[in-house]
Amino acid sequence: MDGKKALYYAAIAIAVLIGISVVLSVISAIIGLATAVVSGIVTLAVLLGIGYVALKTGAWFFGSDDDASLDSLDSIGSGSTSVDTGSSRQDRLRQQYVEGQISEAEFERRIGEELETEEVDDIDRELERER
């Protein structure tokens, strides 16, 4: 083998090694980027989970905003008027009807009772104001 062929093969070998090095570097960069993206998504999911648990824990410690807690506040005397209480009762009846817990006839009967109770309460308040 003469010197030119050896130099030629050496140049090709170096070019192949450089090419393989570049390809491996690009693949490594892509894998690193994918790892960083997956790591960021997992971190975000964990943080959201911790926030959700903290929110639920706070709601559990300090009470939640469901109808049962609102009823207990009304019964304690939170300063709400009978008109507010009547409308919240009507809202609860509507919700029970929508959820299928009570029939249409039962809903109409209870709403009628609520409206009659509101009218009597309004009349009583008017009489007390006149006195």
N, C-alpha and C. Protein backbone atom coordinates (compact mmCIF):
# COMPACT_ATOMS: atom_id res chain seq x y z
N MET A 1 0.85 -1.16 0.00
CA MET A 1 0.00 0.00 0.00
C MET A 1 0.90 1.23 0.00
N ASP A 2 0.61 2.08 -0.85
CA ASP A 2 1.43 3.26 -0.94
C ASP A 2 0.93 4.33 0.01
N GLY A 3 1.66 5.40 0.17
CA GLY A 3 1.36 6.46 1.13
C GLY A 3 0.09 7.22 0.83
N LYS A 4 -0.24 7.38 -0.45
CA LYS A 4 -1.47 8.12 -0.81
C LYS A 4 -2.71 7.33 -0.41
N LYS A 5 -2.70 6.01 -0.66
CA LYS A 5 -3.86 5.21 -0.29
C LYS A 5 -4.03 5.19 1.23
N ALA A 6 -2.96 5.07 1.95
CA ALA A 6 -3.03 5.04 3.41
C ALA A 6 -3.58 6.36 3.94
N LEU A 7 -3.11 7.46 3.35
CA LEU A 7 -3.61 8.77 3.75
C LEU A 7 -5.10 8.92 3.40
N TYR A 8 -5.45 8.39 2.23
CA TYR A 8 -6.86 8.44 1.80
C TYR A 8 -7.75 7.65 2.77
N TYR A 9 -7.34 6.43 3.11
CA TYR A 9 -8.13 5.61 4.04
C TYR A 9 -8.17 6.23 5.44
N ALA A 10 -7.10 6.84 5.84
CA ALA A 10 -7.07 7.50 7.14
C ALA A 10 -8.04 8.68 7.16
N ALA A 11 -8.07 9.45 6.05
CA ALA A 11 -8.99 10.60 5.97
C ALA A 11 -10.44 10.12 6.00
N ILE A 12 -10.72 9.02 5.29
CA ILE A 12 -12.09 8.46 5.29
C ILE A 12 -12.45 7.97 6.69
N ALA A 13 -11.53 7.29 7.35
CA ALA A 13 -11.79 6.78 8.70
C ALA A 13 -12.07 7.93 9.66
N ILE A 14 -11.31 9.00 9.55
CA ILE A 14 -11.53 10.18 10.43
C ILE A 14 -12.88 10.82 10.12
N ALA A 15 -13.23 10.92 8.84
CA ALA A 15 -14.52 11.49 8.46
C ALA A 15 -15.67 10.64 8.98
N VAL A 16 -15.52 9.32 8.89
CA VAL A 16 -16.57 8.41 9.41
C VAL A 16 -16.69 8.57 10.92
N LEU A 17 -15.56 8.64 11.61
CA LEU A 17 -15.60 8.82 13.07
C LEU A 17 -16.25 10.16 13.45
N ILE A 18 -15.90 11.20 12.71
CA ILE A 18 -16.52 12.50 12.98
C ILE A 18 -18.02 12.44 12.71
N GLY A 19 -18.40 11.79 11.59
CA GLY A 19 -19.83 11.65 11.27
C GLY A 19 -20.58 10.87 12.34
N ILE A 20 -20.01 9.76 12.79
CA ILE A 20 -20.64 8.96 13.86
C ILE A 20 -20.73 9.79 15.13
N SER A 21 -19.69 10.54 15.44
CA SER A 21 -19.70 11.39 16.63
C SER A 21 -20.81 12.43 16.55
N VAL A 22 -20.99 13.06 15.39
CA VAL A 22 -22.05 14.06 15.21
C VAL A 22 -23.43 13.41 15.37
N VAL A 23 -23.61 12.25 14.72
CA VAL A 23 -24.91 11.56 14.81
C VAL A 23 -25.22 11.19 16.25
N LEU A 24 -24.23 10.63 16.95
CA LEU A 24 -24.43 10.26 18.35
C LEU A 24 -24.71 11.49 19.23
N SER A 25 -24.06 12.60 18.94
CA SER A 25 -24.30 13.83 19.70
C SER A 25 -25.73 14.33 19.47
N VAL A 26 -26.20 14.28 18.23
CA VAL A 26 -27.57 14.71 17.93
C VAL A 26 -28.57 13.79 18.63
N ILE A 27 -28.33 12.49 18.55
CA ILE A 27 -29.23 11.54 19.22
C ILE A 27 -29.22 11.78 20.73
N SER A 28 -28.06 12.01 21.29
CA SER A 28 -27.95 12.29 22.72
C SER A 28 -28.69 13.56 23.09
N ALA A 29 -28.59 14.59 22.26
CA ALA A 29 -29.30 15.85 22.53
C ALA A 29 -30.81 15.64 22.47
N ILE A 30 -31.27 14.86 21.50
CA ILE A 30 -32.71 14.58 21.38
C ILE A 30 -33.20 13.80 22.60
N ILE A 31 -32.44 12.80 23.03
CA ILE A 31 -32.81 12.03 24.22
C ILE A 31 -32.81 12.94 25.46
N GLY A 32 -31.82 13.80 25.57
CA GLY A 32 -31.78 14.74 26.71
C GLY A 32 -32.96 15.68 26.71
N LEU A 33 -33.34 16.19 25.53
CA LEU A 33 -34.49 17.07 25.43
C LEU A 33 -35.78 16.33 25.80
N ALA A 34 -35.93 15.10 25.30
CA ALA A 34 -37.11 14.31 25.63
C ALA A 34 -37.17 14.03 27.13
N THR A 35 -36.03 13.74 27.71
CA THR A 35 -35.97 13.49 29.17
C THR A 35 -36.36 14.75 29.94
N ALA A 36 -35.90 15.89 29.49
CA ALA A 36 -36.23 17.15 30.17
C ALA A 36 -37.73 17.43 30.07
N VAL A 37 -38.32 17.18 28.91
CA VAL A 37 -39.76 17.42 28.73
C VAL A 37 -40.55 16.47 29.63
N VAL A 38 -40.21 15.19 29.63
CA VAL A 38 -40.92 14.23 30.48
C VAL A 38 -40.74 14.59 31.95
N SER A 39 -39.54 14.99 32.33
CA SER A 39 -39.29 15.39 33.71
C SER A 39 -40.14 16.60 34.09
N GLY A 40 -40.23 17.57 33.19
CA GLY A 40 -41.06 18.75 33.46
C GLY A 40 -42.53 18.39 33.61
N ILE A 41 -43.03 17.50 32.76
CA ILE A 41 -44.43 17.08 32.84
C ILE A 41 -44.70 16.35 34.16
N VAL A 42 -43.78 15.45 34.52
CA VAL A 42 -43.95 14.72 35.78
C VAL A 42 -43.91 15.68 36.97
N THR A 43 -43.00 16.63 36.95
CA THR A 43 -42.91 17.61 38.03
C THR A 43 -44.18 18.43 38.13
N LEU A 44 -44.70 18.87 37.00
CA LEU A 44 -45.94 19.63 36.98
C LEU A 44 -47.10 18.81 37.52
N ALA A 45 -47.16 17.54 37.13
CA ALA A 45 -48.23 16.67 37.62
C ALA A 45 -48.14 16.48 39.13
N VAL A 46 -46.93 16.30 39.62
CA VAL A 46 -46.75 16.13 41.07
C VAL A 46 -47.15 17.41 41.81
N LEU A 47 -46.75 18.56 41.30
CA LEU A 47 -47.11 19.83 41.94
C LEU A 47 -48.63 20.05 41.92
N LEU A 48 -49.26 19.73 40.80
CA LEU A 48 -50.73 19.86 40.74
C LEU A 48 -51.40 18.90 41.72
N GLY A 49 -50.85 17.70 41.84
CA GLY A 49 -51.40 16.74 42.81
C GLY A 49 -51.26 17.25 44.23
N ILE A 50 -50.12 17.81 44.56
CA ILE A 50 -49.90 18.36 45.90
C ILE A 50 -50.86 19.53 46.15
N GLY A 51 -51.03 20.38 45.14
CA GLY A 51 -51.98 21.50 45.27
C GLY A 51 -53.41 21.01 45.47
N TYR A 52 -53.80 19.98 44.74
CA TYR A 52 -55.15 19.43 44.88
C TYR A 52 -55.35 18.85 46.28
N VAL A 53 -54.36 18.11 46.75
CA VAL A 53 -54.45 17.54 48.10
C VAL A 53 -54.52 18.65 49.14
N ALA A 54 -53.74 19.70 48.96
CA ALA A 54 -53.77 20.83 49.90
C ALA A 54 -55.13 21.51 49.87
N LEU A 55 -55.70 21.67 48.69
CA LEU A 55 -57.03 22.28 48.57
C LEU A 55 -58.09 21.44 49.27
N LYS A 56 -58.07 20.14 49.02
CA LYS A 56 -59.05 19.24 49.65
C LYS A 56 -58.85 19.18 51.16
N THR A 57 -57.60 19.19 51.59
CA THR A 57 -57.32 19.17 53.04
C THR A 57 -57.82 20.45 53.68
N GLY A 58 -57.59 21.58 53.04
CA GLY A 58 -58.10 22.85 53.57
C GLY A 58 -59.60 22.87 53.62
N ALA A 59 -60.24 22.34 52.58
CA ALA A 59 -61.71 22.28 52.58
C ALA A 59 -62.20 21.36 53.68
N TRP A 60 -61.46 20.29 53.94
CA TRP A 60 -61.87 19.36 54.98
C TRP A 60 -61.71 19.99 56.36
N PHE A 61 -60.58 20.70 56.58
CA PHE A 61 -60.35 21.33 57.87
C PHE A 61 -61.28 22.51 58.12
N PHE A 62 -61.47 23.34 57.13
CA PHE A 62 -62.22 24.57 57.31
C PHE A 62 -63.67 24.47 56.84
N GLY A 63 -64.09 23.30 56.45
CA GLY A 63 -65.47 23.12 55.99
C GLY A 63 -65.56 23.28 54.50
N SER A 64 -66.56 22.64 53.95
CA SER A 64 -66.76 22.73 52.50
C SER A 64 -68.00 23.56 52.21
N ASP A 65 -68.23 23.83 50.93
CA ASP A 65 -69.34 24.68 50.55
C ASP A 65 -70.47 23.85 49.95
N ASP A 66 -70.78 22.70 50.58
CA ASP A 66 -71.93 21.94 50.11
C ASP A 66 -73.18 22.38 50.88
N ASP A 67 -74.34 21.85 50.52
CA ASP A 67 -75.61 22.28 51.12
C ASP A 67 -75.68 21.98 52.62
N ALA A 68 -75.05 20.89 53.07
CA ALA A 68 -75.12 20.54 54.49
C ALA A 68 -74.46 21.62 55.35
N SER A 69 -73.31 22.11 54.94
CA SER A 69 -72.65 23.13 55.73
C SER A 69 -73.41 24.45 55.67
N LEU A 70 -74.04 24.74 54.55
CA LEU A 70 -74.85 25.95 54.47
C LEU A 70 -76.07 25.85 55.37
N ASP A 71 -76.67 24.67 55.45
CA ASP A 71 -77.80 24.48 56.35
C ASP A 71 -77.39 24.67 57.80
N SER A 72 -76.21 24.15 58.17
CA SER A 72 -75.77 24.31 59.55
C SER A 72 -75.49 25.78 59.87
N LEU A 73 -74.97 26.54 58.93
CA LEU A 73 -74.76 27.96 59.16
C LEU A 73 -76.09 28.69 59.30
N ASP A 74 -77.09 28.34 58.51
CA ASP A 74 -78.39 28.96 58.62
C ASP A 74 -79.04 28.64 59.96
N SER A 75 -78.87 27.41 60.43
CA SER A 75 -79.49 27.04 61.70
C SER A 75 -78.80 27.70 62.88
N ILE A 76 -77.52 28.01 62.77
CA ILE A 76 -76.80 28.69 63.84
C ILE A 76 -77.25 30.14 63.93
N GLY A 77 -77.60 30.70 62.81
CA GLY A 77 -78.02 32.10 62.80
C GLY A 77 -76.96 32.96 62.17
N SER A 78 -76.69 32.75 60.93
CA SER A 78 -75.62 33.48 60.26
C SER A 78 -76.05 34.86 59.81
N GLY A 79 -77.25 35.28 60.18
CA GLY A 79 -77.69 36.61 59.81
C GLY A 79 -78.43 36.65 58.50
N SER A 80 -78.75 35.51 57.90
CA SER A 80 -79.47 35.53 56.63
C SER A 80 -80.95 35.76 56.91
N THR A 81 -81.61 36.40 55.98
CA THR A 81 -83.03 36.68 56.13
C THR A 81 -83.84 35.48 55.71
N SER A 82 -85.12 35.50 56.04
CA SER A 82 -85.98 34.38 55.67
C SER A 82 -86.18 34.31 54.17
N VAL A 83 -86.05 35.45 53.48
CA VAL A 83 -86.17 35.44 52.03
C VAL A 83 -85.01 34.66 51.43
N ASP A 84 -83.77 34.89 51.96
CA ASP A 84 -82.61 34.15 51.48
C ASP A 84 -82.76 32.66 51.76
N THR A 85 -83.24 32.33 52.96
CA THR A 85 -83.44 30.95 53.33
C THR A 85 -84.49 30.30 52.44
N GLY A 86 -85.55 31.03 52.16
CA GLY A 86 -86.61 30.49 51.30
C GLY A 86 -86.10 30.22 49.90
N SER A 87 -85.32 31.14 49.36
CA SER A 87 -84.82 30.92 48.01
C SER A 87 -83.80 29.78 47.98
N SER A 88 -83.01 29.63 49.06
CA SER A 88 -82.07 28.51 49.07
C SER A 88 -82.82 27.19 49.20
N ARG A 89 -83.93 27.19 49.92
CA ARG A 89 -84.75 25.97 49.99
C ARG A 89 -85.33 25.65 48.63
N GLN A 90 -85.76 26.68 47.92
CA GLN A 90 -86.30 26.46 46.58
C GLN A 90 -85.20 25.94 45.65
N ASP A 91 -84.00 26.48 45.80
CA ASP A 91 -82.89 25.99 44.98
C ASP A 91 -82.59 24.52 45.27
N ARG A 92 -82.63 24.16 46.56
CA ARG A 92 -82.39 22.75 46.91
C ARG A 92 -83.48 21.86 46.34
N LEU A 93 -84.73 22.33 46.39
CA LEU A 93 -85.82 21.54 45.81
C LEU A 93 -85.63 21.37 44.31
N ARG A 94 -85.25 22.44 43.64
CA ARG A 94 -85.00 22.34 42.19
C ARG A 94 -83.89 21.34 41.91
N GLN A 95 -82.83 21.40 42.71
CA GLN A 95 -81.71 20.48 42.52
C GLN A 95 -82.15 19.03 42.73
N GLN A 96 -82.96 18.79 43.76
CA GLN A 96 -83.46 17.43 44.01
C GLN A 96 -84.32 16.94 42.86
N TYR A 97 -85.12 17.84 42.30
CA TYR A 97 -85.97 17.47 41.17
C TYR A 97 -85.13 17.16 39.94
N VAL A 98 -84.12 18.00 39.68
CA VAL A 98 -83.26 17.79 38.51
C VAL A 98 -82.50 16.47 38.65
N GLU A 99 -82.05 16.15 39.85
CA GLU A 99 -81.29 14.92 40.08
C GLU A 99 -82.19 13.69 40.14
N GLY A 100 -83.52 13.90 40.12
CA GLY A 100 -84.45 12.77 40.12
C GLY A 100 -84.73 12.21 41.50
N GLN A 101 -84.38 12.96 42.55
CA GLN A 101 -84.62 12.49 43.90
C GLN A 101 -86.09 12.62 44.30
N ILE A 102 -86.79 13.58 43.71
CA ILE A 102 -88.22 13.75 43.98
C ILE A 102 -88.95 13.83 42.65
N SER A 103 -90.23 13.46 42.68
CA SER A 103 -91.04 13.48 41.46
C SER A 103 -91.51 14.90 41.18
N GLU A 104 -92.10 15.07 40.00
CA GLU A 104 -92.61 16.39 39.61
C GLU A 104 -93.74 16.83 40.54
N ALA A 105 -94.62 15.89 40.87
CA ALA A 105 -95.74 16.22 41.76
C ALA A 105 -95.23 16.64 43.14
N GLU A 106 -94.26 15.90 43.65
CA GLU A 106 -93.68 16.23 44.96
C GLU A 106 -92.98 17.58 44.90
N PHE A 107 -92.26 17.84 43.81
CA PHE A 107 -91.60 19.12 43.63
C PHE A 107 -92.61 20.26 43.65
N GLU A 108 -93.69 20.13 42.88
CA GLU A 108 -94.71 21.19 42.82
C GLU A 108 -95.38 21.39 44.19
N ARG A 109 -95.62 20.29 44.90
CA ARG A 109 -96.24 20.41 46.22
C ARG A 109 -95.32 21.16 47.19
N ARG A 110 -94.06 20.78 47.21
CA ARG A 110 -93.12 21.43 48.13
C ARG A 110 -92.87 22.89 47.76
N ILE A 111 -92.76 23.18 46.47
CA ILE A 111 -92.58 24.58 46.05
C ILE A 111 -93.79 25.40 46.47
N GLY A 112 -94.98 24.84 46.30
CA GLY A 112 -96.20 25.53 46.73
C GLY A 112 -96.16 25.84 48.22
N GLU A 113 -95.74 24.86 49.01
CA GLU A 113 -95.62 25.08 50.46
C GLU A 113 -94.62 26.18 50.77
N GLU A 114 -93.49 26.18 50.06
CA GLU A 114 -92.48 27.21 50.28
C GLU A 114 -93.02 28.60 49.94
N LEU A 115 -93.73 28.70 48.84
CA LEU A 115 -94.28 30.00 48.45
C LEU A 115 -95.32 30.47 49.46
N GLU A 116 -96.15 29.56 49.96
CA GLU A 116 -97.13 29.94 50.99
C GLU A 116 -96.43 30.39 52.26
N THR A 117 -95.38 29.69 52.64
CA THR A 117 -94.62 30.05 53.84
C THR A 117 -93.99 31.43 53.68
N GLU A 118 -93.46 31.71 52.48
CA GLU A 118 -92.87 33.03 52.22
C GLU A 118 -93.92 34.12 52.34
N GLU A 119 -95.12 33.87 51.81
CA GLU A 119 -96.17 34.88 51.87
C GLU A 119 -96.56 35.15 53.31
N VAL A 120 -96.70 34.11 54.13
CA VAL A 120 -97.05 34.28 55.54
C VAL A 120 -95.94 35.04 56.26
N ASP A 121 -94.69 34.71 55.98
CA ASP A 121 -93.57 35.42 56.60
C ASP A 121 -93.56 36.89 56.20
N ASP A 122 -93.85 37.18 54.93
CA ASP A 122 -93.90 38.56 54.47
C ASP A 122 -95.00 39.33 55.18
N ILE A 123 -96.14 38.72 55.33
CA ILE A 123 -97.27 39.37 56.02
C ILE A 123 -96.91 39.63 57.48
N ASP A 124 -96.29 38.64 58.14
CA ASP A 124 -95.89 38.82 59.53
C ASP A 124 -94.88 39.96 59.68
N ARG A 125 -93.95 40.06 58.76
CA ARG A 125 -92.97 41.14 58.81
C ARG A 125 -93.65 42.50 58.61
N GLU A 126 -94.59 42.56 57.71
CA GLU A 126 -95.32 43.82 57.47
C GLU A 126 -96.08 44.23 58.72
N LEU A 127 -96.73 43.29 59.38
CA LEU A 127 -97.46 43.59 60.60
C LEU A 127 -96.53 44.07 61.71
N GLU A 128 -95.38 43.45 61.82
CA GLU A 128 -94.42 43.87 62.85
C GLU A 128 -93.89 45.28 62.56
N ARG A 129 -93.70 45.63 61.32
CA ARG A 129 -93.23 46.97 60.97
C ARG A 129 -94.27 48.01 61.32
N GLU A 130 -95.54 47.68 61.12
CA GLU A 130 -96.61 48.63 61.40
C GLU A 130 -96.74 48.89 62.90
N ARG A 131 -96.39 47.94 63.70
CA ARG A 131 -96.51 48.11 65.16
C ARG A 131 -95.44 49.00 65.62
